[in-house]
């Protein structure tokens, strides 16, 4: 008898709970679907929106998610530029920002672009800095490395992070526009 009563109580509890509908599903009208440009832009906008919130909420709790968005947005900007210029992504480029940026420079060099100016060097330097700080693209996402060793905390200058993001993503967009005026 007790078992039946418990089962009836469980049924009552379940009936009172809200039904869960799928919270992620396919949508044919998603403009980011299949588009490196739009997906890159969406991460750029996500970074900017979270940056705005992080400026207000100075607890530091939004800095790691902001760094994840920053890195992903930069990676997508570089990959989008590569795909726009080369039409394909050769090999498995992974998440190494330096290698991706080097590939972008090689593609542009093949089209007689001279990317040895100060701005291109600054972009390369910013990318190298974050790549050396987060070589496996996991330092901002996890509290410890793959061997379980805790990462040291990070200090983020939000204004400098915003500037670096803007410079890198704008450089990548300009790198394409310079060669593909029809885009």
C-alpha atoms as a PDB file:
ATOM      1  CA  UNK A   1       0.000   0.000   0.000  1.00  0.00           C
ATOM      2  CA  UNK A   2       2.811   2.404   0.873  1.00  0.00           C
ATOM      3  CA  UNK A   3       4.446   1.821  -2.517  1.00  0.00           C
ATOM      4  CA  UNK A   4       1.220   2.703  -4.334  1.00  0.00           C
ATOM      5  CA  UNK A   5       0.839   5.860  -2.267  1.00  0.00           C
ATOM      6  CA  UNK A   6       4.413   6.946  -3.058  1.00  0.00           C
ATOM      7  CA  UNK A   7       3.829   6.326  -6.758  1.00  0.00           C
ATOM      8  CA  UNK A   8       0.620   8.391  -6.628  1.00  0.00           C
ATOM      9  CA  UNK A   9       2.499  11.221  -4.918  1.00  0.00           C
ATOM     10  CA  UNK A  10       5.239  11.098  -7.550  1.00  0.00           C
ATOM     11  CA  UNK A  11       2.613  11.259 -10.298  1.00  0.00           C
ATOM     12  CA  UNK A  12       1.052  14.256  -8.573  1.00  0.00           C
ATOM     13  CA  UNK A  13       4.418  15.997  -8.398  1.00  0.00           C
ATOM     14  CA  UNK A  14       5.162  15.266 -12.055  1.00  0.00           C
ATOM     15  CA  UNK A  15       1.756  16.560 -13.119  1.00  0.00           C
ATOM     16  CA  UNK A  16       2.426  19.856 -11.343  1.00  0.00           C
ATOM     17  CA  UNK A  17       5.717  20.451 -13.124  1.00  0.00           C
ATOM     18  CA  UNK A  18       5.762  22.582 -16.270  1.00  0.00           C
ATOM     19  CA  UNK A  19       6.225  20.691 -19.474  1.00  0.00           C
ATOM     20  CA  UNK A  20       9.503  21.204 -21.198  1.00  0.00           C
ATOM     21  CA  UNK A  21       9.424  21.946 -24.856  1.00  0.00           C
ATOM     22  CA  UNK A  22      12.533  21.783 -27.018  1.00  0.00           C
ATOM     23  CA  UNK A  23      14.538  24.908 -26.299  1.00  0.00           C
ATOM     24  CA  UNK A  24      16.851  24.490 -29.285  1.00  0.00           C
ATOM     25  CA  UNK A  25      15.504  23.431 -32.650  1.00  0.00           C
ATOM     26  CA  UNK A  26      16.187  23.868 -36.344  1.00  0.00           C
ATOM     27  CA  UNK A  27      15.045  27.118 -37.922  1.00  0.00           C
ATOM     28  CA  UNK A  28      15.186  27.701 -41.643  1.00  0.00           C
ATOM     29  CA  UNK A  29      15.151  31.500 -41.231  1.00  0.00           C
ATOM     30  CA  UNK A  30      18.341  31.715 -39.108  1.00  0.00           C
ATOM     31  CA  UNK A  31      20.527  34.131 -41.075  1.00  0.00           C
ATOM     32  CA  UNK A  32      23.700  32.886 -39.359  1.00  0.00           C
ATOM     33  CA  UNK A  33      23.181  29.308 -40.561  1.00  0.00           C
ATOM     34  CA  UNK A  34      25.905  28.390 -43.020  1.00  0.00           C
ATOM     35  CA  UNK A  35      27.310  31.919 -43.132  1.00  0.00           C
ATOM     36  CA  UNK A  36      30.761  32.524 -41.686  1.00  0.00           C
ATOM     37  CA  UNK A  37      30.263  36.275 -42.070  1.00  0.00           C
ATOM     38  CA  UNK A  38      26.987  36.413 -40.168  1.00  0.00           C
ATOM     39  CA  UNK A  39      28.143  33.981 -37.492  1.00  0.00           C
ATOM     40  CA  UNK A  40      31.309  36.033 -37.017  1.00  0.00           C
ATOM     41  CA  UNK A  41      29.220  39.182 -36.796  1.00  0.00           C
ATOM     42  CA  UNK A  42      26.868  37.582 -34.263  1.00  0.00           C
ATOM     43  CA  UNK A  43      29.810  36.755 -31.971  1.00  0.00           C
ATOM     44  CA  UNK A  44      31.117  40.291 -32.436  1.00  0.00           C
ATOM     45  CA  UNK A  45      27.740  41.634 -31.299  1.00  0.00           C
ATOM     46  CA  UNK A  46      27.636  39.142 -28.429  1.00  0.00           C
ATOM     47  CA  UNK A  47      31.073  40.296 -27.285  1.00  0.00           C
ATOM     48  CA  UNK A  48      30.003  43.937 -27.419  1.00  0.00           C
ATOM     49  CA  UNK A  49      26.774  43.285 -25.485  1.00  0.00           C
ATOM     50  CA  UNK A  50      28.562  41.327 -22.767  1.00  0.00           C
ATOM     51  CA  UNK A  51      31.325  43.960 -22.650  1.00  0.00           C
ATOM     52  CA  UNK A  52      28.651  46.559 -21.895  1.00  0.00           C
ATOM     53  CA  UNK A  53      27.373  44.410 -19.019  1.00  0.00           C
ATOM     54  CA  UNK A  54      30.876  43.687 -17.697  1.00  0.00           C
ATOM     55  CA  UNK A  55      31.573  47.439 -17.540  1.00  0.00           C
ATOM     56  CA  UNK A  56      28.604  47.832 -15.188  1.00  0.00           C
ATOM     57  CA  UNK A  57      29.023  44.614 -13.178  1.00  0.00           C
ATOM     58  CA  UNK A  58      32.533  45.013 -11.788  1.00  0.00           C
ATOM     59  CA  UNK A  59      32.376  41.761  -9.787  1.00  0.00           C
ATOM     60  CA  UNK A  60      34.664  40.099 -12.333  1.00  0.00           C
ATOM     61  CA  UNK A  61      32.216  37.243 -12.821  1.00  0.00           C
ATOM     62  CA  UNK A  62      31.525  38.221 -16.433  1.00  0.00           C
ATOM     63  CA  UNK A  63      35.179  38.485 -17.450  1.00  0.00           C
ATOM     64  CA  UNK A  64      35.742  34.789 -18.259  1.00  0.00           C
ATOM     65  CA  UNK A  65      32.620  34.519 -20.441  1.00  0.00           C
ATOM     66  CA  UNK A  66      33.667  37.809 -22.058  1.00  0.00           C
ATOM     67  CA  UNK A  67      37.141  36.422 -22.801  1.00  0.00           C
ATOM     68  CA  UNK A  68      35.584  33.295 -24.313  1.00  0.00           C
ATOM     69  CA  UNK A  69      33.415  35.450 -26.577  1.00  0.00           C
ATOM     70  CA  UNK A  70      36.401  37.684 -27.400  1.00  0.00           C
ATOM     71  CA  UNK A  71      38.531  34.723 -28.473  1.00  0.00           C
ATOM     72  CA  UNK A  72      35.747  33.042 -30.445  1.00  0.00           C
ATOM     73  CA  UNK A  73      34.820  36.294 -32.165  1.00  0.00           C
ATOM     74  CA  UNK A  74      38.438  36.911 -33.193  1.00  0.00           C
ATOM     75  CA  UNK A  75      38.805  33.321 -34.413  1.00  0.00           C
ATOM     76  CA  UNK A  76      35.628  33.570 -36.481  1.00  0.00           C
ATOM     77  CA  UNK A  77      36.703  36.928 -37.952  1.00  0.00           C
ATOM     78  CA  UNK A  78      39.989  35.413 -39.136  1.00  0.00           C
ATOM     79  CA  UNK A  79      38.340  32.243 -40.465  1.00  0.00           C
ATOM     80  CA  UNK A  80      35.642  34.248 -42.224  1.00  0.00           C
ATOM     81  CA  UNK A  81      38.311  36.387 -43.928  1.00  0.00           C
ATOM     82  CA  UNK A  82      40.210  33.266 -45.009  1.00  0.00           C
ATOM     83  CA  UNK A  83      37.066  31.703 -46.459  1.00  0.00           C
ATOM     84  CA  UNK A  84      36.075  34.912 -48.232  1.00  0.00           C
ATOM     85  CA  UNK A  85      39.492  35.202 -49.860  1.00  0.00           C
ATOM     86  CA  UNK A  86      40.460  31.569 -50.450  1.00  0.00           C
ATOM     87  CA  UNK A  87      37.034  29.986 -50.744  1.00  0.00           C
ATOM     88  CA  UNK A  88      38.066  27.100 -48.511  1.00  0.00           C
ATOM     89  CA  UNK A  89      39.708  26.223 -45.230  1.00  0.00           C
ATOM     90  CA  UNK A  90      42.606  23.905 -45.972  1.00  0.00           C
ATOM     91  CA  UNK A  91      43.604  21.293 -43.434  1.00  0.00           C
ATOM     92  CA  UNK A  92      42.430  21.424 -39.858  1.00  0.00           C
ATOM     93  CA  UNK A  93      43.290  24.919 -38.643  1.00  0.00           C
ATOM     94  CA  UNK A  94      41.921  24.314 -35.170  1.00  0.00           C
ATOM     95  CA  UNK A  95      41.888  27.222 -32.742  1.00  0.00           C
ATOM     96  CA  UNK A  96      45.458  28.498 -33.091  1.00  0.00           C
ATOM     97  CA  UNK A  97      44.947  32.187 -33.760  1.00  0.00           C
ATOM     98  CA  UNK A  98      48.561  32.750 -34.828  1.00  0.00           C
ATOM     99  CA  UNK A  99      48.439  29.985 -37.430  1.00  0.00           C
ATOM    100  CA  UNK A 100      45.087  31.215 -38.706  1.00  0.00           C
ATOM    101  CA  UNK A 101      46.325  34.789 -39.000  1.00  0.00           C
ATOM    102  CA  UNK A 102      49.491  33.599 -40.739  1.00  0.00           C
ATOM    103  CA  UNK A 103      47.329  31.727 -43.244  1.00  0.00           C
ATOM    104  CA  UNK A 104      45.326  34.911 -43.867  1.00  0.00           C
ATOM    105  CA  UNK A 105      48.537  36.849 -44.475  1.00  0.00           C
ATOM    106  CA  UNK A 106      49.763  34.160 -46.891  1.00  0.00           C
ATOM    107  CA  UNK A 107      46.531  34.346 -48.874  1.00  0.00           C
ATOM    108  CA  UNK A 108      46.826  38.116 -49.080  1.00  0.00           C
ATOM    109  CA  UNK A 109      50.537  37.901 -50.048  1.00  0.00           C
ATOM    110  CA  UNK A 110      49.580  35.601 -52.926  1.00  0.00           C
ATOM    111  CA  UNK A 111      47.412  38.480 -54.176  1.00  0.00           C
ATOM    112  CA  UNK A 112      50.353  40.929 -53.897  1.00  0.00           C
ATOM    113  CA  UNK A 113      49.278  42.556 -50.629  1.00  0.00           C
ATOM    114  CA  UNK A 114      52.017  44.029 -48.485  1.00  0.00           C
ATOM    115  CA  UNK A 115      51.046  43.453 -44.868  1.00  0.00           C
ATOM    116  CA  UNK A 116      54.281  44.639 -43.322  1.00  0.00           C
ATOM    117  CA  UNK A 117      52.923  47.936 -42.023  1.00  0.00           C
ATOM    118  CA  UNK A 118      52.575  48.913 -38.384  1.00  0.00           C
ATOM    119  CA  UNK A 119      48.885  48.076 -38.146  1.00  0.00           C
ATOM    120  CA  UNK A 120      49.309  44.531 -39.464  1.00  0.00           C
ATOM    121  CA  UNK A 121      52.238  44.050 -37.085  1.00  0.00           C
ATOM    122  CA  UNK A 122      50.137  45.309 -34.164  1.00  0.00           C
ATOM    123  CA  UNK A 123      47.358  42.889 -35.082  1.00  0.00           C
ATOM    124  CA  UNK A 124      49.892  40.057 -35.275  1.00  0.00           C
ATOM    125  CA  UNK A 125      51.288  41.086 -31.879  1.00  0.00           C
ATOM    126  CA  UNK A 126      47.855  41.162 -30.197  1.00  0.00           C
ATOM    127  CA  UNK A 127      47.024  37.759 -31.639  1.00  0.00           C
ATOM    128  CA  UNK A 128      50.377  36.360 -30.468  1.00  0.00           C
ATOM    129  CA  UNK A 129      49.768  37.718 -26.978  1.00  0.00           C
ATOM    130  CA  UNK A 130      46.419  36.002 -26.532  1.00  0.00           C
ATOM    131  CA  UNK A 131      47.659  32.808 -28.223  1.00  0.00           C
ATOM    132  CA  UNK A 132      50.589  32.538 -25.814  1.00  0.00           C
ATOM    133  CA  UNK A 133      48.309  33.293 -22.863  1.00  0.00           C
ATOM    134  CA  UNK A 134      45.717  30.721 -23.987  1.00  0.00           C
ATOM    135  CA  UNK A 135      47.503  28.301 -26.352  1.00  0.00           C
ATOM    136  CA  UNK A 136      44.888  25.519 -26.242  1.00  0.00           C
ATOM    137  CA  UNK A 137      41.804  27.760 -26.301  1.00  0.00           C
ATOM    138  CA  UNK A 138      40.689  26.492 -22.910  1.00  0.00           C
ATOM    139  CA  UNK A 139      42.145  28.824 -20.296  1.00  0.00           C
ATOM    140  CA  UNK A 140      39.141  31.127 -20.308  1.00  0.00           C
ATOM    141  CA  UNK A 141      36.611  28.278 -20.446  1.00  0.00           C
ATOM    142  CA  UNK A 142      37.857  26.073 -17.627  1.00  0.00           C
ATOM    143  CA  UNK A 143      39.332  26.584 -14.148  1.00  0.00           C
ATOM    144  CA  UNK A 144      42.087  24.008 -14.720  1.00  0.00           C
ATOM    145  CA  UNK A 145      44.167  22.637 -17.584  1.00  0.00           C
ATOM    146  CA  UNK A 146      43.701  19.198 -19.106  1.00  0.00           C
ATOM    147  CA  UNK A 147      45.941  17.669 -16.441  1.00  0.00           C
ATOM    148  CA  UNK A 148      43.862  19.174 -13.648  1.00  0.00           C
ATOM    149  CA  UNK A 149      46.334  21.922 -12.699  1.00  0.00           C
ATOM    150  CA  UNK A 150      44.398  25.055 -11.731  1.00  0.00           C
ATOM    151  CA  UNK A 151      44.955  28.105 -13.880  1.00  0.00           C
ATOM    152  CA  UNK A 152      46.178  31.273 -12.264  1.00  0.00           C
ATOM    153  CA  UNK A 153      43.553  34.008 -12.215  1.00  0.00           C
ATOM    154  CA  UNK A 154      43.390  36.617 -14.946  1.00  0.00           C
ATOM    155  CA  UNK A 155      43.184  40.367 -14.809  1.00  0.00           C
ATOM    156  CA  UNK A 156      41.325  41.997 -17.663  1.00  0.00           C
ATOM    157  CA  UNK A 157      41.561  45.604 -18.775  1.00  0.00           C
ATOM    158  CA  UNK A 158      38.130  45.825 -20.375  1.00  0.00           C
ATOM    159  CA  UNK A 159      38.926  48.940 -22.403  1.00  0.00           C
ATOM    160  CA  UNK A 160      42.106  47.429 -23.861  1.00  0.00           C
ATOM    161  CA  UNK A 161      40.250  44.170 -24.556  1.00  0.00           C
ATOM    162  CA  UNK A 162      37.591  46.099 -26.475  1.00  0.00           C
ATOM    163  CA  UNK A 163      40.223  48.009 -28.460  1.00  0.00           C
ATOM    164  CA  UNK A 164      42.102  44.820 -29.351  1.00  0.00           C
ATOM    165  CA  UNK A 165      38.873  43.153 -30.452  1.00  0.00           C
ATOM    166  CA  UNK A 166      37.855  46.115 -32.584  1.00  0.00           C
ATOM    167  CA  UNK A 167      41.281  46.444 -34.211  1.00  0.00           C
ATOM    168  CA  UNK A 168      41.627  42.733 -35.023  1.00  0.00           C
ATOM    169  CA  UNK A 169      38.097  42.176 -36.323  1.00  0.00           C
ATOM    170  CA  UNK A 170      38.122  45.416 -38.312  1.00  0.00           C
ATOM    171  CA  UNK A 171      41.510  44.547 -39.817  1.00  0.00           C
ATOM    172  CA  UNK A 172      40.157  41.160 -40.918  1.00  0.00           C
ATOM    173  CA  UNK A 173      37.064  42.730 -42.472  1.00  0.00           C
ATOM    174  CA  UNK A 174      39.229  45.343 -44.220  1.00  0.00           C
ATOM    175  CA  UNK A 175      41.598  42.626 -45.452  1.00  0.00           C
ATOM    176  CA  UNK A 176      38.714  41.132 -47.387  1.00  0.00           C
ATOM    177  CA  UNK A 177      37.176  44.411 -48.542  1.00  0.00           C
ATOM    178  CA  UNK A 178      40.524  45.592 -49.926  1.00  0.00           C
ATOM    179  CA  UNK A 179      40.658  42.610 -52.270  1.00  0.00           C
ATOM    180  CA  UNK A 180      36.978  41.921 -52.828  1.00  0.00           C
ATOM    181  CA  UNK A 181      35.236  45.208 -53.374  1.00  0.00           C
ATOM    182  CA  UNK A 182      32.088  43.320 -54.353  1.00  0.00           C
ATOM    183  CA  UNK A 183      31.636  41.924 -50.831  1.00  0.00           C
END
